[in-house]
């Protein structure tokens, strides 16, 4: 596969994952967040959210860098909530009740999309588990005659 087609495939996987994350968030916050009920609306809303995250979010991150450092990165939730509010302001069919629900929605979307990106391998982050052999009771240089201290 050529590098451009790999990037395009990664983009579509990311878009699909974010669309699913937005859908689950709307289902969880059904009285406070909506997309109009049409699949096309959901796809457009998640696409616009991705575009805003690609172009506007980095600018906001640079301006908010002192707050990000001070809050150890938790201010990213506020930035992500702002992105949801921007989508809500730009699209008439996407609605978020308040900034508080936008923060909650941003948290849910971040958790779901992060987990799905790791599970599908759509990120550079890798999670691996290794099974180690159980520790042996004796050390190679231990003759068994020394003091024993159990902690």
C-alpha atoms as a PDB file:
ATOM      1  CA  UNK A   1       0.000   0.000   0.000  1.00  0.00           C
ATOM      2  CA  UNK A   2       1.250   3.476  -0.834  1.00  0.00           C
ATOM      3  CA  UNK A   3       1.794   6.029   1.952  1.00  0.00           C
ATOM      4  CA  UNK A   4      -1.065   8.219   0.691  1.00  0.00           C
ATOM      5  CA  UNK A   5      -3.559   5.363   0.705  1.00  0.00           C
ATOM      6  CA  UNK A   6      -2.407   4.369   4.218  1.00  0.00           C
ATOM      7  CA  UNK A   7      -3.001   7.921   5.400  1.00  0.00           C
ATOM      8  CA  UNK A   8      -6.409   7.977   3.748  1.00  0.00           C
ATOM      9  CA  UNK A   9      -7.331   4.651   5.345  1.00  0.00           C
ATOM     10  CA  UNK A  10      -6.144   5.917   8.739  1.00  0.00           C
ATOM     11  CA  UNK A  11      -8.226   9.085   8.268  1.00  0.00           C
ATOM     12  CA  UNK A  12     -11.371   7.075   7.471  1.00  0.00           C
ATOM     13  CA  UNK A  13     -10.781   4.760  10.434  1.00  0.00           C
ATOM     14  CA  UNK A  14     -10.345   7.764  12.694  1.00  0.00           C
ATOM     15  CA  UNK A  15     -13.491   9.408  11.286  1.00  0.00           C
ATOM     16  CA  UNK A  16     -15.497   6.227  11.813  1.00  0.00           C
ATOM     17  CA  UNK A  17     -14.197   5.854  15.369  1.00  0.00           C
ATOM     18  CA  UNK A  18     -15.000   9.486  16.195  1.00  0.00           C
ATOM     19  CA  UNK A  19     -18.453   9.117  14.635  1.00  0.00           C
ATOM     20  CA  UNK A  20     -19.098   6.081  16.811  1.00  0.00           C
ATOM     21  CA  UNK A  21     -17.811   7.958  19.873  1.00  0.00           C
ATOM     22  CA  UNK A  22     -20.111  10.918  19.140  1.00  0.00           C
ATOM     23  CA  UNK A  23     -23.043   8.530  18.620  1.00  0.00           C
ATOM     24  CA  UNK A  24     -22.445   6.792  21.955  1.00  0.00           C
ATOM     25  CA  UNK A  25     -22.083  10.177  23.659  1.00  0.00           C
ATOM     26  CA  UNK A  26     -25.383  11.383  22.176  1.00  0.00           C
ATOM     27  CA  UNK A  27     -27.036   8.163  23.347  1.00  0.00           C
ATOM     28  CA  UNK A  28     -25.647   8.600  26.875  1.00  0.00           C
ATOM     29  CA  UNK A  29     -26.526  12.307  27.031  1.00  0.00           C
ATOM     30  CA  UNK A  30     -29.731  11.903  24.982  1.00  0.00           C
ATOM     31  CA  UNK A  31     -31.631  14.720  26.704  1.00  0.00           C
ATOM     32  CA  UNK A  32     -28.749  17.187  26.507  1.00  0.00           C
ATOM     33  CA  UNK A  33     -27.023  16.496  23.185  1.00  0.00           C
ATOM     34  CA  UNK A  34     -28.584  15.661  19.815  1.00  0.00           C
ATOM     35  CA  UNK A  35     -27.727  15.410  16.129  1.00  0.00           C
ATOM     36  CA  UNK A  36     -31.176  15.409  14.512  1.00  0.00           C
ATOM     37  CA  UNK A  37     -31.541  11.637  14.268  1.00  0.00           C
ATOM     38  CA  UNK A  38     -30.190  11.217  10.727  1.00  0.00           C
ATOM     39  CA  UNK A  39     -27.019   9.261   9.999  1.00  0.00           C
ATOM     40  CA  UNK A  40     -25.942  11.939   7.514  1.00  0.00           C
ATOM     41  CA  UNK A  41     -26.154  14.588  10.240  1.00  0.00           C
ATOM     42  CA  UNK A  42     -24.011  12.465  12.545  1.00  0.00           C
ATOM     43  CA  UNK A  43     -21.393  11.949   9.821  1.00  0.00           C
ATOM     44  CA  UNK A  44     -21.294  15.666   9.011  1.00  0.00           C
ATOM     45  CA  UNK A  45     -21.061  16.635  12.685  1.00  0.00           C
ATOM     46  CA  UNK A  46     -18.209  14.216  13.364  1.00  0.00           C
ATOM     47  CA  UNK A  47     -16.444  15.321  10.167  1.00  0.00           C
ATOM     48  CA  UNK A  48     -16.702  18.983  11.182  1.00  0.00           C
ATOM     49  CA  UNK A  49     -15.497  18.083  14.676  1.00  0.00           C
ATOM     50  CA  UNK A  50     -12.484  16.388  13.095  1.00  0.00           C
ATOM     51  CA  UNK A  51     -11.770  19.418  10.900  1.00  0.00           C
ATOM     52  CA  UNK A  52     -11.988  21.761  13.901  1.00  0.00           C
ATOM     53  CA  UNK A  53      -9.760  19.439  15.917  1.00  0.00           C
ATOM     54  CA  UNK A  54      -7.210  19.464  13.106  1.00  0.00           C
ATOM     55  CA  UNK A  55      -7.065  23.224  12.514  1.00  0.00           C
ATOM     56  CA  UNK A  56      -8.542  25.226  15.416  1.00  0.00           C
ATOM     57  CA  UNK A  57      -7.622  23.016  18.373  1.00  0.00           C
ATOM     58  CA  UNK A  58      -3.812  23.347  17.899  1.00  0.00           C
ATOM     59  CA  UNK A  59      -4.152  27.133  17.973  1.00  0.00           C
ATOM     60  CA  UNK A  60      -6.180  26.947  21.185  1.00  0.00           C
ATOM     61  CA  UNK A  61      -3.625  24.560  22.686  1.00  0.00           C
ATOM     62  CA  UNK A  62      -0.801  27.033  22.028  1.00  0.00           C
ATOM     63  CA  UNK A  63      -2.732  29.900  23.623  1.00  0.00           C
ATOM     64  CA  UNK A  64      -3.775  27.741  26.577  1.00  0.00           C
ATOM     65  CA  UNK A  65      -0.347  26.194  27.145  1.00  0.00           C
ATOM     66  CA  UNK A  66       0.184  27.826  30.570  1.00  0.00           C
ATOM     67  CA  UNK A  67      -3.211  26.535  31.737  1.00  0.00           C
ATOM     68  CA  UNK A  68      -2.479  23.102  30.300  1.00  0.00           C
ATOM     69  CA  UNK A  69       0.782  22.946  32.216  1.00  0.00           C
ATOM     70  CA  UNK A  70      -0.825  24.274  35.395  1.00  0.00           C
ATOM     71  CA  UNK A  71      -3.679  21.743  35.255  1.00  0.00           C
ATOM     72  CA  UNK A  72      -1.441  18.883  34.060  1.00  0.00           C
ATOM     73  CA  UNK A  73      -3.385  18.608  30.811  1.00  0.00           C
ATOM     74  CA  UNK A  74      -6.889  18.578  32.264  1.00  0.00           C
ATOM     75  CA  UNK A  75      -7.637  21.860  30.504  1.00  0.00           C
ATOM     76  CA  UNK A  76      -7.757  19.812  27.273  1.00  0.00           C
ATOM     77  CA  UNK A  77     -11.278  18.825  28.333  1.00  0.00           C
ATOM     78  CA  UNK A  78     -12.260  22.487  28.197  1.00  0.00           C
ATOM     79  CA  UNK A  79     -10.688  22.846  24.743  1.00  0.00           C
ATOM     80  CA  UNK A  80     -12.477  19.704  23.519  1.00  0.00           C
ATOM     81  CA  UNK A  81     -15.739  21.025  24.980  1.00  0.00           C
ATOM     82  CA  UNK A  82     -15.186  24.274  23.067  1.00  0.00           C
ATOM     83  CA  UNK A  83     -14.852  22.226  19.882  1.00  0.00           C
ATOM     84  CA  UNK A  84     -18.225  20.596  20.607  1.00  0.00           C
ATOM     85  CA  UNK A  85     -19.748  24.025  21.243  1.00  0.00           C
ATOM     86  CA  UNK A  86     -18.306  25.289  17.925  1.00  0.00           C
ATOM     87  CA  UNK A  87     -19.897  22.349  16.092  1.00  0.00           C
ATOM     88  CA  UNK A  88     -23.173  23.091  17.871  1.00  0.00           C
ATOM     89  CA  UNK A  89     -22.978  26.750  16.801  1.00  0.00           C
ATOM     90  CA  UNK A  90     -22.098  25.960  13.174  1.00  0.00           C
ATOM     91  CA  UNK A  91     -24.587  23.153  12.504  1.00  0.00           C
ATOM     92  CA  UNK A  92     -28.303  23.745  13.082  1.00  0.00           C
ATOM     93  CA  UNK A  93     -29.043  20.042  13.634  1.00  0.00           C
ATOM     94  CA  UNK A  94     -26.293  19.413  16.224  1.00  0.00           C
ATOM     95  CA  UNK A  95     -27.169  20.689  19.671  1.00  0.00           C
ATOM     96  CA  UNK A  96     -25.458  20.749  23.078  1.00  0.00           C
ATOM     97  CA  UNK A  97     -27.515  22.127  25.984  1.00  0.00           C
ATOM     98  CA  UNK A  98     -24.760  23.801  27.989  1.00  0.00           C
ATOM     99  CA  UNK A  99     -21.017  24.071  28.396  1.00  0.00           C
ATOM    100  CA  UNK A 100     -21.175  21.645  31.320  1.00  0.00           C
ATOM    101  CA  UNK A 101     -22.711  18.982  29.089  1.00  0.00           C
ATOM    102  CA  UNK A 102     -20.126  19.829  26.441  1.00  0.00           C
ATOM    103  CA  UNK A 103     -17.372  19.045  28.978  1.00  0.00           C
ATOM    104  CA  UNK A 104     -19.088  15.787  29.914  1.00  0.00           C
ATOM    105  CA  UNK A 105     -19.525  14.958  26.220  1.00  0.00           C
ATOM    106  CA  UNK A 106     -15.877  15.773  25.518  1.00  0.00           C
ATOM    107  CA  UNK A 107     -14.826  13.437  28.329  1.00  0.00           C
ATOM    108  CA  UNK A 108     -16.981  10.588  27.012  1.00  0.00           C
ATOM    109  CA  UNK A 109     -15.843  11.117  23.407  1.00  0.00           C
ATOM    110  CA  UNK A 110     -12.184  11.210  24.498  1.00  0.00           C
ATOM    111  CA  UNK A 111     -12.469   7.991  26.488  1.00  0.00           C
ATOM    112  CA  UNK A 112     -14.360   6.083  23.799  1.00  0.00           C
ATOM    113  CA  UNK A 113     -12.276   7.259  20.848  1.00  0.00           C
ATOM    114  CA  UNK A 114      -9.033   6.721  22.751  1.00  0.00           C
ATOM    115  CA  UNK A 115      -9.989   3.168  23.669  1.00  0.00           C
ATOM    116  CA  UNK A 116     -11.205   2.355  20.147  1.00  0.00           C
ATOM    117  CA  UNK A 117      -8.085   3.847  18.554  1.00  0.00           C
ATOM    118  CA  UNK A 118      -5.887   1.658  20.752  1.00  0.00           C
ATOM    119  CA  UNK A 119      -8.020  -1.448  20.138  1.00  0.00           C
ATOM    120  CA  UNK A 120      -8.038  -0.979  16.357  1.00  0.00           C
ATOM    121  CA  UNK A 121      -4.361  -0.025  16.145  1.00  0.00           C
ATOM    122  CA  UNK A 122      -5.221   3.353  14.646  1.00  0.00           C
ATOM    123  CA  UNK A 123      -2.684   5.125  16.840  1.00  0.00           C
ATOM    124  CA  UNK A 124       1.016   4.975  17.505  1.00  0.00           C
ATOM    125  CA  UNK A 125       0.304   3.962  21.090  1.00  0.00           C
ATOM    126  CA  UNK A 126       0.751   0.261  21.693  1.00  0.00           C
ATOM    127  CA  UNK A 127      -0.392  -1.730  24.674  1.00  0.00           C
ATOM    128  CA  UNK A 128       1.196  -5.102  25.274  1.00  0.00           C
ATOM    129  CA  UNK A 129       1.091  -7.604  28.064  1.00  0.00           C
ATOM    130  CA  UNK A 130       3.878 -10.009  28.869  1.00  0.00           C
ATOM    131  CA  UNK A 131       3.724 -12.940  31.179  1.00  0.00           C
ATOM    132  CA  UNK A 132       6.779 -13.257  33.384  1.00  0.00           C
ATOM    133  CA  UNK A 133       7.878 -16.463  34.997  1.00  0.00           C
ATOM    134  CA  UNK A 134       7.255 -16.626  38.742  1.00  0.00           C
ATOM    135  CA  UNK A 135      10.242 -15.603  40.857  1.00  0.00           C
ATOM    136  CA  UNK A 136      12.321 -18.470  42.134  1.00  0.00           C
ATOM    137  CA  UNK A 137      12.745 -18.918  45.890  1.00  0.00           C
ATOM    138  CA  UNK A 138      16.518 -19.191  45.746  1.00  0.00           C
ATOM    139  CA  UNK A 139      19.112 -16.900  44.328  1.00  0.00           C
ATOM    140  CA  UNK A 140      22.001 -18.373  42.377  1.00  0.00           C
ATOM    141  CA  UNK A 141      24.556 -17.204  44.977  1.00  0.00           C
ATOM    142  CA  UNK A 142      22.417 -18.254  47.975  1.00  0.00           C
ATOM    143  CA  UNK A 143      23.597 -21.335  49.837  1.00  0.00           C
ATOM    144  CA  UNK A 144      20.538 -21.344  52.121  1.00  0.00           C
ATOM    145  CA  UNK A 145      22.446 -20.783  55.406  1.00  0.00           C
ATOM    146  CA  UNK A 146      22.035 -17.004  55.754  1.00  0.00           C
ATOM    147  CA  UNK A 147      19.504 -15.018  57.776  1.00  0.00           C
ATOM    148  CA  UNK A 148      15.951 -14.755  56.420  1.00  0.00           C
ATOM    149  CA  UNK A 149      14.033 -11.509  56.621  1.00  0.00           C
ATOM    150  CA  UNK A 150      10.428 -11.585  55.445  1.00  0.00           C
ATOM    151  CA  UNK A 151       8.850  -8.259  54.641  1.00  0.00           C
END
